[in-house]
Amino acid sequence: MPAGTCAAALPAAALGVAAQAAAGRPPPAAACTPRRQPRRRAARSSVAAAGYNYNIDDIVYQTIKQQSWETPPEARGGADGVQPPSSSSLSPEEAEAQWEANQEYIAHCNATYGVPGLIEFAAGYGGLPKAVLQHPSGTRAEVYLHGGTVTSWRHADGREMLHLRRGNVFDGVEPISGGIQIAWPQYGSGPLPRNGFLQNLHWSVVETAWRQPEDEQQAEEQLLPTQEGSSRVVERPEDCVGLEAAVAEGHDLRPMISLYAETDSSWAEQWPYQFEALYTVSLMEPEPPTLSDVELLKQAHETPEERQQREEQEAAAAAAAARAAEQAALEGELPILEPSVLRCVLQIHNSGDEPFTFTTGLRSHFVTRDIQTHGKYVNLLGLRGKYVMDYTQDPLNPGLTIQEGDLVRFGDREPLDLAFLDCEAGGEVLFCPGAPAHFSMQNLEGFCDIGVQHPTAVLPCESRHFVTMGPARAVRKVTLQPGELWVGDASFTAHDDYWPLAPWEMEDPTLVPVRESSPEFLPGWTRARRSASVLDD
């Protein structure tokens, strides 16, 4: 990383990045300690004397004293390190200048934050900058810096899991509709535009990193205090050694990116408060299953014969699974892919002198099979007994009910706008998109609701192919005092197989979706066999 580049600086050190972009004032080099490419996880630490902590699972940002943003023009250089502002009404000359500015910013991000094979930056639709996270397993995700919207999340075989709505203009002004959208400071309808304005803002890159799960203990030892009372990560020359080999071997390197946005003057009249927002997206594999205390105690007291028997049973089960996968491949069935995890952490800091309240959420648009034909398989499981705020009929005066059934169903094509309450950490909500696969969602911190929308009345045709849901803090508002920090942490896991059968599904197998293979995904001999059977008929 170039000396003086503010890579791991706290948002306070980058304060004003979004709003100052149009003025061309980059963050001062003195705002942080110069570092090379940040790659290792920084551990959580105590509150520093210089301020407060932004605690993220992968990176700790610590505030420092705000410094002047005035930088002499001759010291600004070519790439300011902030995303250029956009406008929906540009002359051809202005549009060309905008495109060149975006290209310059993309080049700056690749040079400063890119990690070959894991994290890259490119021009997306409309020339807007986007970050591409690539996991060694083959899964990938794309995050547009405009709005901080996750627009794509793909399996290793290229299948898309997120839906982008039709009609997006990608002009850098209007929010990108679809994918995973950030709703803040308003979730749903209210005095502000629907779902707030963070989805309208340009976000700046402040950090990229990668780590392996086994690096956590090493990272604890690398976090050292500085003279100012903040923290830094000790860089080691061997950090870069073997990265290409690790990527090639498919290790769980967990690429992540952190984006920053702050108070925007264009929204000051509607939102007269000062804030900072930090948004971190990580792509990873699921954590390996852990044994319960009872299971660990049982294993600790095993006799040698019992241990040998258990290990033989585990080996036999693994061999049987391998044989089943091999037989399925011989019969032309598509392989079941490994699960993929997308973890999203949103942090809001009240940087002003007045308290403010907000609601928030991550509105995730999941691709489904055609609900008109596969609707009975498109269901949500895990919300039985939850209180439900129903905004469908009147968004400003919702009704309160209780979810009585095991499943929230979408096959009847009725419009839905719901918020399920008290879905805190510890429980998972499962969603089947109509195929023998499922998503699991989990609120880890801050988010305590699950929002569900199915806009069949507004989008009668397009809504056949997606459902919106995701973590939220939609009902009980958050009040943030000056200087306070709120953290919302959630994870999404994509499974390429169906969830464990429920009792009613074991009684009626027709309720379980079956795997369908379109001709373009079938092996050649299977396509030929099917073609021959058609000709015979």
Protein backbone atom coordinates (compact mmCIF):
# COMPACT_ATOMS: atom_id res chain seq x y z
CA MET A 1 0.00 0.00 0.00
CA PRO A 2 1.34 3.47 -0.79
CA ALA A 3 2.73 5.31 2.19
CA GLY A 4 0.24 7.66 3.75
CA THR A 5 -2.82 5.87 2.39
CA CYS A 6 -5.55 5.75 5.00
CA ALA A 7 -6.48 2.08 4.74
CA ALA A 8 -7.30 1.06 8.27
CA ALA A 9 -8.17 4.46 9.61
CA LEU A 10 -11.25 4.99 11.61
CA PRO A 11 -14.29 6.55 10.03
CA ALA A 12 -13.54 9.67 12.04
CA ALA A 13 -10.26 9.86 10.20
CA ALA A 14 -12.24 9.66 7.00
CA LEU A 15 -14.96 11.98 8.27
CA GLY A 16 -16.52 13.93 5.46
CA VAL A 17 -15.32 11.66 2.66
CA ALA A 18 -18.67 11.41 0.91
CA ALA A 19 -19.67 15.02 1.41
CA GLN A 20 -16.20 16.39 0.58
CA ALA A 21 -15.88 14.42 -2.67
CA ALA A 22 -17.43 17.15 -4.77
CA ALA A 23 -15.05 19.70 -3.26
CA GLY A 24 -12.07 17.49 -4.07
CA ARG A 25 -10.61 17.44 -0.56
CA PRO A 26 -9.09 14.02 0.15
CA PRO A 27 -8.42 12.65 3.64
CA PRO A 28 -5.09 13.95 4.96
CA ALA A 29 -2.24 11.48 5.07
CA ALA A 30 -1.58 12.43 8.69
CA ALA A 31 -4.93 10.99 9.71
CA CYS A 32 -3.52 7.49 10.01
CA THR A 33 -0.37 5.46 10.35
CA PRO A 34 0.96 4.44 6.90
CA ARG A 35 0.50 0.73 6.28
CA ARG A 36 0.91 -1.84 3.59
CA GLN A 37 -2.01 -3.91 2.31
CA PRO A 38 -4.15 -4.78 5.36
CA ARG A 39 -4.84 -8.48 5.36
CA ARG A 40 -5.03 -9.89 8.84
CA ARG A 41 -7.94 -9.77 11.20
CA ALA A 42 -7.62 -7.24 13.99
CA ALA A 43 -8.98 -8.43 17.29
CA ARG A 44 -11.55 -6.62 19.40
CA SER A 45 -9.92 -4.27 21.88
CA SER A 46 -10.88 -1.99 24.74
CA VAL A 47 -11.97 1.60 24.34
CA ALA A 48 -8.96 3.65 23.34
CA ALA A 49 -8.02 6.86 25.04
CA ALA A 50 -8.42 8.67 21.74
CA GLY A 51 -12.09 7.82 21.39
CA TYR A 52 -14.38 4.82 20.92
CA ASN A 53 -14.10 1.59 18.96
CA TYR A 54 -15.82 0.47 15.78
CA ASN A 55 -15.82 -3.25 16.52
CA ILE A 56 -16.23 -5.49 13.48
CA ASP A 57 -15.64 -9.22 13.37
CA ASP A 58 -12.77 -8.79 10.94
CA ILE A 59 -11.40 -5.27 11.53
CA VAL A 60 -11.29 -2.82 14.44
CA TYR A 61 -11.56 0.83 13.50
CA GLN A 62 -10.70 3.36 16.18
CA THR A 63 -11.47 7.02 16.06
CA ILE A 64 -8.81 9.67 16.30
CA LYS A 65 -9.08 13.38 16.79
CA GLN A 66 -10.75 15.02 13.83
CA GLN A 67 -8.27 16.95 11.72
CA SER A 68 -8.60 19.72 9.20
CA TRP A 69 -9.75 18.74 5.72
CA GLU A 70 -8.10 21.67 4.01
CA THR A 71 -5.43 20.30 1.69
CA PRO A 72 -3.43 22.42 -0.77
CA PRO A 73 -4.48 21.72 -4.37
CA GLU A 74 -0.92 20.77 -5.33
CA ALA A 75 -0.94 18.04 -2.64
CA ARG A 76 -4.14 16.40 -3.78
CA GLY A 77 -2.70 14.30 -6.58
CA GLY A 78 -4.66 12.57 -9.30
CA ALA A 79 -6.86 10.13 -7.38
CA ASP A 80 -8.45 11.67 -4.32
CA GLY A 81 -9.44 8.30 -2.91
CA VAL A 82 -13.13 9.20 -2.74
CA GLN A 83 -15.83 8.16 -5.13
CA PRO A 84 -16.68 10.97 -7.58
CA PRO A 85 -20.15 12.53 -7.27
CA SER A 86 -22.79 11.68 -9.86
CA SER A 87 -25.59 13.52 -11.58
CA SER A 88 -28.53 12.27 -13.62
CA SER A 89 -28.45 15.30 -15.95
CA LEU A 90 -25.05 15.59 -17.60
CA SER A 91 -23.96 16.98 -20.93
CA PRO A 92 -21.91 14.63 -23.15
CA GLU A 93 -18.73 16.38 -22.05
CA GLU A 94 -19.69 16.13 -18.39
CA ALA A 95 -20.66 12.49 -18.81
CA GLU A 96 -17.26 11.72 -20.33
CA ALA A 97 -15.52 13.51 -17.47
CA GLN A 98 -17.67 11.55 -15.02
CA TRP A 99 -16.69 8.28 -16.69
CA GLU A 100 -13.00 9.19 -16.56
CA ALA A 101 -13.28 10.14 -12.88
CA ASN A 102 -14.91 6.79 -12.11
CA GLN A 103 -12.18 4.94 -14.00
CA GLU A 104 -9.54 6.84 -12.06
CA TYR A 105 -11.22 5.98 -8.78
CA ILE A 106 -11.50 2.30 -9.76
CA ALA A 107 -7.79 2.23 -10.60
CA HIS A 108 -7.06 3.88 -7.25
CA CYS A 109 -9.11 1.25 -5.39
CA ASN A 110 -7.42 -1.64 -7.21
CA ALA A 111 -3.98 -0.22 -6.45
CA THR A 112 -4.77 0.56 -2.83
CA TYR A 113 -7.27 -2.07 -1.71
CA GLY A 114 -7.25 -4.81 -4.35
CA VAL A 115 -6.11 -8.35 -3.53
CA PRO A 116 -5.56 -10.39 -6.73
CA GLY A 117 -7.85 -13.37 -6.86
CA LEU A 118 -9.92 -12.22 -3.87
CA ILE A 119 -10.91 -8.55 -4.08
CA GLU A 120 -11.10 -6.53 -7.27
CA PHE A 121 -12.75 -3.31 -8.39
CA ALA A 122 -14.38 -2.74 -11.77
CA ALA A 123 -16.91 -0.59 -13.60
CA GLY A 124 -20.44 -1.90 -13.31
CA TYR A 125 -23.62 -0.86 -15.07
CA GLY A 126 -23.58 2.82 -15.96
CA GLY A 127 -19.85 2.88 -15.27
CA LEU A 128 -20.49 2.89 -11.51
CA PRO A 129 -17.63 1.51 -9.39
CA LYS A 130 -18.23 -1.89 -7.83
CA ALA A 131 -16.22 -4.26 -5.66
CA VAL A 132 -16.04 -7.95 -6.54
CA LEU A 133 -15.38 -10.42 -3.71
CA GLN A 134 -14.21 -13.81 -4.96
CA HIS A 135 -13.99 -16.76 -2.60
CA PRO A 136 -11.51 -19.55 -3.40
CA SER A 137 -14.44 -22.00 -3.45
CA GLY A 138 -15.79 -20.23 -6.55
CA THR A 139 -18.58 -18.18 -4.95
CA ARG A 140 -18.56 -14.44 -5.57
CA ALA A 141 -20.40 -11.28 -4.57
CA GLU A 142 -20.57 -7.79 -6.04
CA VAL A 143 -21.07 -4.60 -4.04
CA TYR A 144 -21.80 -1.28 -5.76
CA LEU A 145 -20.29 1.68 -3.96
CA HIS A 146 -23.40 3.67 -4.86
CA GLY A 147 -25.80 2.87 -2.05
CA GLY A 148 -23.56 0.11 -0.67
CA THR A 149 -25.88 -2.33 -2.44
CA VAL A 150 -24.91 -5.99 -2.79
CA THR A 151 -26.14 -6.61 -6.33
CA SER A 152 -24.92 -10.17 -6.91
CA TRP A 153 -24.20 -13.32 -4.94
CA ARG A 154 -23.41 -16.39 -7.02
CA HIS A 155 -22.84 -20.07 -6.37
CA ALA A 156 -19.60 -21.61 -7.57
CA ASP A 157 -21.38 -22.82 -10.72
CA GLY A 158 -22.49 -19.28 -11.58
CA ARG A 159 -26.13 -19.46 -10.45
CA GLU A 160 -27.36 -16.07 -9.23
CA MET A 161 -29.08 -15.94 -5.84
CA LEU A 162 -30.07 -12.25 -5.69
CA HIS A 163 -32.66 -10.51 -7.84
CA LEU A 164 -32.12 -7.07 -9.36
CA ARG A 165 -35.33 -5.33 -10.29
CA ARG A 166 -36.05 -4.24 -13.82
CA GLY A 167 -35.83 -0.57 -14.64
CA ASN A 168 -32.71 0.29 -12.64
CA VAL A 169 -31.03 3.28 -14.30
CA PHE A 170 -27.61 3.02 -12.58
CA ASP A 171 -27.10 6.78 -12.81
CA GLY A 172 -25.42 7.18 -9.44
CA VAL A 173 -28.37 9.20 -8.14
CA GLU A 174 -31.37 6.88 -7.88
CA PRO A 175 -31.00 3.92 -5.51
CA ILE A 176 -30.28 0.51 -6.99
CA SER A 177 -33.41 -1.56 -6.46
CA GLY A 178 -32.84 -5.22 -5.66
CA GLY A 179 -29.98 -7.28 -4.30
CA ILE A 180 -29.36 -6.46 -0.63
CA GLN A 181 -30.34 -2.84 0.01
CA ILE A 182 -29.60 -0.88 3.16
CA ALA A 183 -32.67 0.75 4.69
CA TRP A 184 -31.72 3.60 7.05
CA PRO A 185 -32.72 5.80 8.90
CA GLN A 186 -36.19 4.63 7.98
CA TYR A 187 -37.34 1.11 7.26
CA GLY A 188 -40.39 1.10 5.00
CA SER A 189 -42.75 4.05 4.69
CA GLY A 190 -42.63 7.28 6.69
CA PRO A 191 -41.75 10.98 6.43
CA LEU A 192 -38.54 10.22 4.51
CA PRO A 193 -38.43 8.49 1.12
CA ARG A 194 -39.25 4.80 1.48
CA ASN A 195 -36.38 2.95 3.20
CA GLY A 196 -34.42 6.13 3.88
CA PHE A 197 -31.46 7.59 2.06
CA LEU A 198 -28.31 5.52 2.77
CA GLN A 199 -29.18 3.64 -0.41
CA ASN A 200 -28.82 6.96 -2.31
CA LEU A 201 -25.37 7.90 -1.01
CA HIS A 202 -21.94 7.23 -2.46
CA TRP A 203 -19.84 5.09 -0.12
CA SER A 204 -16.05 5.20 0.03
CA VAL A 205 -13.78 2.20 0.51
CA VAL A 206 -11.87 2.38 3.80
CA GLU A 207 -10.63 -1.19 4.20
CA THR A 208 -10.27 -4.56 2.52
CA ALA A 209 -8.89 -7.67 4.16
CA TRP A 210 -8.85 -11.42 4.12
CA ARG A 211 -8.13 -14.00 6.74
CA GLN A 212 -8.28 -17.70 7.41
CA PRO A 213 -10.31 -18.97 10.39
CA GLU A 214 -7.16 -20.25 12.11
CA ASP A 215 -5.66 -16.74 11.98
CA GLU A 216 -7.82 -15.48 14.85
CA GLN A 217 -5.43 -16.40 17.66
CA GLN A 218 -2.49 -15.03 15.70
CA ALA A 219 -4.39 -11.79 15.15
CA GLU A 220 -4.90 -11.42 18.90
CA GLU A 221 -1.12 -11.41 19.29
CA GLN A 222 -0.60 -8.92 16.45
CA LEU A 223 -2.71 -6.13 17.94
CA LEU A 224 -0.30 -3.75 19.65
CA PRO A 225 -0.92 -0.40 21.35
CA THR A 226 0.44 2.76 19.76
CA GLN A 227 1.59 5.92 21.47
CA GLU A 228 -1.74 7.57 20.76
CA GLY A 229 -3.63 4.78 22.55
CA SER A 230 -5.15 3.36 19.37
CA SER A 231 -4.18 0.05 17.79
CA ARG A 232 -2.45 -1.22 14.73
CA VAL A 233 -1.92 -4.60 13.12
CA VAL A 234 1.67 -5.76 12.81
CA GLU A 235 2.36 -6.57 9.16
CA ARG A 236 4.53 -9.58 8.45
CA PRO A 237 6.41 -10.24 5.20
CA GLU A 238 5.02 -13.77 5.06
CA ASP A 239 1.45 -12.39 4.89
CA CYS A 240 1.63 -12.35 1.11
CA VAL A 241 3.60 -15.58 0.80
CA GLY A 242 1.48 -18.46 -0.40
CA LEU A 243 -1.63 -16.39 -1.10
CA GLU A 244 -1.89 -17.59 -4.68
CA ALA A 245 -1.43 -21.19 -3.56
CA ALA A 246 -4.05 -20.78 -0.83
CA VAL A 247 -6.52 -19.35 -3.35
CA ALA A 248 -5.79 -22.16 -5.79
CA GLU A 249 -6.29 -24.80 -3.10
CA GLY A 250 -9.66 -23.33 -2.12
CA HIS A 251 -8.89 -22.30 1.46
CA ASP A 252 -11.53 -20.27 3.29
CA LEU A 253 -9.73 -16.93 2.98
CA ARG A 254 -12.85 -14.84 3.66
CA PRO A 255 -12.48 -11.67 1.57
CA MET A 256 -14.15 -8.62 3.10
CA ILE A 257 -14.66 -4.96 2.31
CA SER A 258 -15.63 -2.03 4.52
CA LEU A 259 -17.40 1.04 3.12
CA TYR A 260 -17.96 4.40 4.78
CA ALA A 261 -20.60 7.12 4.40
CA GLU A 262 -21.52 10.14 6.48
CA THR A 263 -23.88 13.07 6.78
CA ASP A 264 -24.81 14.38 3.34
CA SER A 265 -25.69 18.05 2.95
CA SER A 266 -28.34 17.28 0.33
CA TRP A 267 -30.38 15.49 3.02
CA ALA A 268 -29.77 18.01 5.80
CA GLU A 269 -33.22 19.57 5.50
CA GLN A 270 -34.99 16.21 5.85
CA TRP A 271 -32.46 14.71 8.30
CA PRO A 272 -30.77 17.47 10.37
CA TYR A 273 -28.43 15.15 12.30
CA GLN A 274 -24.78 14.19 12.07
CA PHE A 275 -23.91 10.53 11.60
CA GLU A 276 -21.27 8.14 10.31
CA ALA A 277 -22.01 4.75 8.77
CA LEU A 278 -19.66 1.82 8.29
CA TYR A 279 -20.78 -1.22 6.28
CA THR A 280 -18.75 -4.43 6.10
CA VAL A 281 -19.49 -7.33 3.74
CA SER A 282 -17.64 -10.65 4.05
CA LEU A 283 -17.81 -13.76 1.86
CA MET A 284 -16.94 -17.04 3.56
CA GLU A 285 -17.76 -20.66 4.20
CA PRO A 286 -19.85 -21.72 7.22
CA GLU A 287 -18.07 -22.28 10.48
CA PRO A 288 -17.51 -26.01 11.10
CA PRO A 289 -20.11 -27.53 13.43
CA THR A 290 -19.09 -27.50 17.06
CA LEU A 291 -19.80 -30.18 19.63
CA SER A 292 -21.97 -29.42 22.62
CA ASP A 293 -20.56 -29.55 26.13
CA VAL A 294 -22.31 -32.89 26.66
CA GLU A 295 -20.80 -34.35 23.49
CA LEU A 296 -17.34 -33.09 24.42
CA LEU A 297 -17.66 -34.58 27.90
CA LYS A 298 -18.83 -37.87 26.43
CA GLN A 299 -15.86 -38.04 24.06
CA ALA A 300 -13.45 -37.16 26.85
CA HIS A 301 -14.57 -40.28 28.76
CA GLU A 302 -14.59 -42.67 25.81
CA THR A 303 -12.70 -45.91 26.11
CA PRO A 304 -10.19 -46.69 23.36
CA GLU A 305 -12.65 -49.19 21.89
CA GLU A 306 -15.48 -46.62 21.87
CA ARG A 307 -13.24 -44.01 20.25
CA GLN A 308 -12.17 -46.45 17.55
CA GLN A 309 -15.79 -47.42 16.88
CA ARG A 310 -16.85 -43.76 16.60
CA GLU A 311 -14.01 -42.94 14.20
CA GLU A 312 -14.84 -45.97 12.06
CA GLN A 313 -18.49 -44.91 11.89
CA GLU A 314 -17.50 -41.36 10.88
CA ALA A 315 -15.16 -42.70 8.18
CA ALA A 316 -17.86 -45.04 6.88
CA ALA A 317 -20.38 -42.19 6.70
CA ALA A 318 -17.91 -40.00 4.78
CA ALA A 319 -17.14 -42.84 2.35
CA ALA A 320 -20.86 -43.48 1.80
CA ALA A 321 -21.43 -39.79 1.03
CA ALA A 322 -18.55 -39.82 -1.45
CA ARG A 323 -19.92 -42.92 -3.19
CA ALA A 324 -23.39 -41.36 -3.39
CA ALA A 325 -21.95 -38.20 -4.96
CA GLU A 326 -19.95 -40.26 -7.47
CA GLN A 327 -23.02 -42.30 -8.42
CA ALA A 328 -25.09 -39.14 -8.82
CA ALA A 329 -22.45 -37.73 -11.16
CA LEU A 330 -22.49 -40.92 -13.25
CA GLU A 331 -26.28 -40.65 -13.55
CA GLY A 332 -26.01 -37.08 -14.80
CA GLU A 333 -27.19 -35.34 -11.64
CA LEU A 334 -25.74 -31.95 -10.82
CA PRO A 335 -23.43 -31.99 -7.79
CA ILE A 336 -24.55 -30.39 -4.54
CA LEU A 337 -22.34 -27.39 -3.90
CA GLU A 338 -20.82 -26.37 -0.59
CA PRO A 339 -22.73 -23.71 1.40
CA SER A 340 -21.76 -20.06 1.03
CA VAL A 341 -22.05 -17.39 3.73
CA LEU A 342 -22.53 -13.67 3.21
CA ARG A 343 -22.09 -11.67 6.41
CA CYS A 344 -23.18 -8.04 6.61
CA VAL A 345 -22.37 -5.64 9.46
CA LEU A 346 -23.87 -2.14 9.55
CA GLN A 347 -22.59 0.35 12.14
CA ILE A 348 -24.09 3.75 12.87
CA HIS A 349 -22.32 6.38 14.97
CA ASN A 350 -23.98 9.56 16.23
CA SER A 351 -21.25 12.10 15.50
CA GLY A 352 -23.39 15.14 16.31
CA ASP A 353 -24.59 16.93 19.42
CA GLU A 354 -28.23 15.79 19.35
CA PRO A 355 -29.78 12.35 19.81
CA PHE A 356 -31.70 10.81 16.92
CA THR A 357 -33.91 7.78 16.37
CA PHE A 358 -34.01 5.42 13.43
CA THR A 359 -35.22 2.11 12.06
CA THR A 360 -33.16 0.02 9.70
CA GLY A 361 -32.82 -3.27 7.84
CA LEU A 362 -31.13 -5.17 5.02
CA ARG A 363 -33.76 -5.75 2.35
CA SER A 364 -32.63 -8.90 0.55
CA HIS A 365 -34.21 -9.89 -2.76
CA PHE A 366 -33.84 -13.66 -3.27
CA VAL A 367 -34.30 -15.28 -6.66
CA THR A 368 -37.05 -17.92 -6.75
CA ARG A 369 -38.46 -20.34 -9.24
CA ASP A 370 -41.56 -19.08 -11.00
CA ILE A 371 -43.97 -18.74 -8.08
CA GLN A 372 -46.92 -19.12 -10.43
CA THR A 373 -45.88 -22.72 -11.17
CA HIS A 374 -43.75 -23.64 -8.12
CA GLY A 375 -45.49 -21.51 -5.52
CA LYS A 376 -46.27 -24.33 -3.11
CA TYR A 377 -42.54 -24.83 -2.58
CA VAL A 378 -41.69 -21.16 -1.95
CA ASN A 379 -41.99 -20.90 1.82
CA LEU A 380 -40.45 -19.37 4.93
CA LEU A 381 -39.90 -21.57 8.00
CA GLY A 382 -39.03 -20.71 11.59
CA LEU A 383 -41.39 -17.86 12.50
CA ARG A 384 -44.27 -19.70 14.14
CA GLY A 385 -45.54 -17.95 17.27
CA LYS A 386 -43.92 -14.62 16.44
CA TYR A 387 -45.81 -11.34 16.68
CA VAL A 388 -46.33 -9.83 13.24
CA MET A 389 -46.78 -6.20 12.27
CA ASP A 390 -48.77 -6.21 9.03
CA TYR A 391 -48.17 -3.11 6.88
CA THR A 392 -49.83 -4.53 3.77
CA GLN A 393 -53.11 -2.59 3.88
CA ASP A 394 -51.90 0.60 5.58
CA PRO A 395 -48.12 1.12 5.95
CA LEU A 396 -48.64 3.92 8.49
CA ASN A 397 -51.19 2.04 10.62
CA PRO A 398 -50.13 -1.62 10.71
CA GLY A 399 -52.13 -4.39 12.28
CA LEU A 400 -50.77 -6.75 14.93
CA THR A 401 -51.24 -10.51 14.61
CA ILE A 402 -49.49 -13.75 15.56
CA GLN A 403 -47.97 -16.15 13.05
CA GLU A 404 -49.88 -19.35 13.72
CA GLY A 405 -48.69 -21.61 10.91
CA ASP A 406 -45.30 -23.25 10.55
CA LEU A 407 -44.80 -21.71 7.11
CA VAL A 408 -45.15 -18.25 5.63
CA ARG A 409 -46.41 -19.08 2.14
CA PHE A 410 -46.01 -17.10 -1.08
CA GLY A 411 -47.80 -19.42 -3.50
CA ASP A 412 -51.16 -17.66 -3.23
CA ARG A 413 -49.55 -14.55 -4.80
CA GLU A 414 -51.11 -12.22 -2.22
CA PRO A 415 -49.22 -8.97 -1.51
CA LEU A 416 -47.27 -9.04 1.74
CA ASP A 417 -45.50 -6.37 3.80
CA LEU A 418 -44.72 -7.85 7.21
CA ALA A 419 -42.32 -7.45 10.11
CA PHE A 420 -41.85 -10.42 12.45
CA LEU A 421 -40.85 -9.30 15.94
CA ASP A 422 -38.35 -10.65 18.46
CA CYS A 423 -36.19 -12.69 16.10
CA GLU A 424 -33.01 -12.12 18.05
CA ALA A 425 -29.72 -13.99 17.84
CA GLY A 426 -29.88 -17.71 18.49
CA GLY A 427 -32.54 -18.70 16.00
CA GLU A 428 -32.45 -19.28 12.27
CA VAL A 429 -35.10 -18.49 9.69
CA LEU A 430 -35.11 -20.75 6.62
CA PHE A 431 -36.34 -19.80 3.15
CA CYS A 432 -36.96 -22.22 0.29
CA PRO A 433 -36.88 -20.52 -3.16
CA GLY A 434 -38.95 -23.27 -4.79
CA ALA A 435 -36.00 -25.52 -5.59
CA PRO A 436 -34.40 -28.25 -3.44
CA ALA A 437 -32.23 -25.62 -1.78
CA HIS A 438 -32.65 -23.11 1.01
CA PHE A 439 -31.28 -19.96 2.62
CA SER A 440 -30.78 -19.54 6.35
CA MET A 441 -30.83 -16.08 7.90
CA GLN A 442 -29.63 -15.22 11.37
CA ASN A 443 -29.69 -11.99 13.35
CA LEU A 444 -26.41 -11.89 15.26
CA GLU A 445 -26.52 -8.45 16.88
CA GLY A 446 -28.65 -5.31 16.77
CA PHE A 447 -31.25 -6.59 14.32
CA CYS A 448 -34.21 -8.14 16.15
CA ASP A 449 -36.91 -8.39 13.45
CA ILE A 450 -37.35 -10.14 10.11
CA GLY A 451 -38.95 -8.09 7.34
CA VAL A 452 -40.85 -9.83 4.54
CA GLN A 453 -42.23 -8.21 1.39
CA HIS A 454 -43.85 -9.65 -1.71
CA PRO A 455 -45.06 -6.77 -3.95
CA THR A 456 -47.45 -8.73 -6.15
CA ALA A 457 -49.84 -5.80 -6.54
CA VAL A 458 -47.13 -3.37 -7.69
CA LEU A 459 -45.06 -5.86 -9.70
CA PRO A 460 -47.51 -8.60 -10.75
CA CYS A 461 -45.16 -10.20 -13.30
CA GLU A 462 -41.72 -9.57 -11.84
CA SER A 463 -42.76 -10.65 -8.34
CA ARG A 464 -43.19 -14.18 -9.66
CA HIS A 465 -39.41 -14.51 -9.60
CA PHE A 466 -38.29 -13.05 -6.25
CA VAL A 467 -39.20 -12.55 -2.61
CA THR A 468 -37.83 -9.80 -0.35
CA MET A 469 -36.88 -10.54 3.25
CA GLY A 470 -34.06 -9.90 5.65
CA PRO A 471 -32.88 -8.72 9.07
CA ALA A 472 -34.44 -5.53 10.38
CA ARG A 473 -34.90 -3.23 13.33
CA ALA A 474 -38.26 -2.04 12.06
CA VAL A 475 -40.65 -1.81 15.00
CA ARG A 476 -38.80 -0.76 18.15
CA LYS A 477 -36.87 2.34 17.13
CA VAL A 478 -33.25 2.84 18.12
CA THR A 479 -32.40 6.07 19.94
CA LEU A 480 -28.74 6.96 19.62
CA GLN A 481 -27.26 9.55 21.96
CA PRO A 482 -24.34 11.77 20.86
CA GLY A 483 -21.18 9.67 20.61
CA GLU A 484 -23.00 6.36 20.82
CA LEU A 485 -22.58 3.49 18.37
CA TRP A 486 -25.15 0.96 17.13
CA VAL A 487 -24.12 -2.30 15.47
CA GLY A 488 -26.35 -4.49 13.29
CA ASP A 489 -24.83 -7.86 12.38
CA ALA A 490 -26.49 -10.57 10.28
CA SER A 491 -25.51 -13.57 8.19
CA PHE A 492 -27.03 -15.26 5.16
CA THR A 493 -26.13 -18.86 4.28
CA ALA A 494 -26.98 -20.37 0.89
CA HIS A 495 -27.43 -24.16 0.94
CA ASP A 496 -27.60 -26.15 -2.27
CA ASP A 497 -29.86 -28.79 -0.71
CA TYR A 498 -33.28 -28.80 0.94
CA TRP A 499 -33.71 -28.22 4.65
CA PRO A 500 -34.19 -31.27 6.95
CA LEU A 501 -37.64 -32.64 6.26
CA ALA A 502 -40.40 -31.42 8.54
CA PRO A 503 -42.93 -33.97 9.88
CA TRP A 504 -45.64 -32.91 7.41
CA GLU A 505 -43.17 -33.24 4.54
CA MET A 506 -42.26 -36.77 5.59
CA GLU A 507 -45.95 -37.65 5.50
CA ASP A 508 -46.52 -35.99 2.10
CA PRO A 509 -43.42 -36.08 -0.15
CA THR A 510 -45.21 -34.06 -2.83
CA LEU A 511 -44.59 -30.98 -0.68
CA VAL A 512 -40.84 -31.33 -1.21
CA PRO A 513 -39.35 -29.73 -4.35
CA VAL A 514 -37.35 -31.96 -6.67
CA ARG A 515 -34.17 -31.12 -8.51
CA GLU A 516 -34.73 -30.16 -12.12
CA SER A 517 -31.94 -29.93 -14.68
CA SER A 518 -32.34 -27.76 -17.73
CA PRO A 519 -30.72 -29.18 -20.91
CA GLU A 520 -27.87 -26.69 -20.94
CA PHE A 521 -26.68 -27.96 -17.55
CA LEU A 522 -26.92 -31.68 -18.36
CA PRO A 523 -23.96 -33.83 -19.42
CA GLY A 524 -23.70 -34.46 -23.14
CA TRP A 525 -24.68 -38.11 -23.01
CA THR A 526 -27.81 -37.28 -20.99
CA ARG A 527 -28.88 -34.63 -23.51
CA ALA A 528 -28.31 -37.10 -26.34
CA ARG A 529 -30.34 -39.76 -24.57
CA ARG A 530 -33.22 -37.34 -24.02
CA SER A 531 -33.07 -36.17 -27.63
CA ALA A 532 -33.18 -39.77 -28.84
CA SER A 533 -36.21 -40.53 -26.69
CA VAL A 534 -38.00 -37.50 -28.13
CA LEU A 535 -37.24 -38.66 -31.67
CA ASP A 536 -38.47 -42.15 -30.83
CA ASP A 537 -41.78 -40.72 -29.71
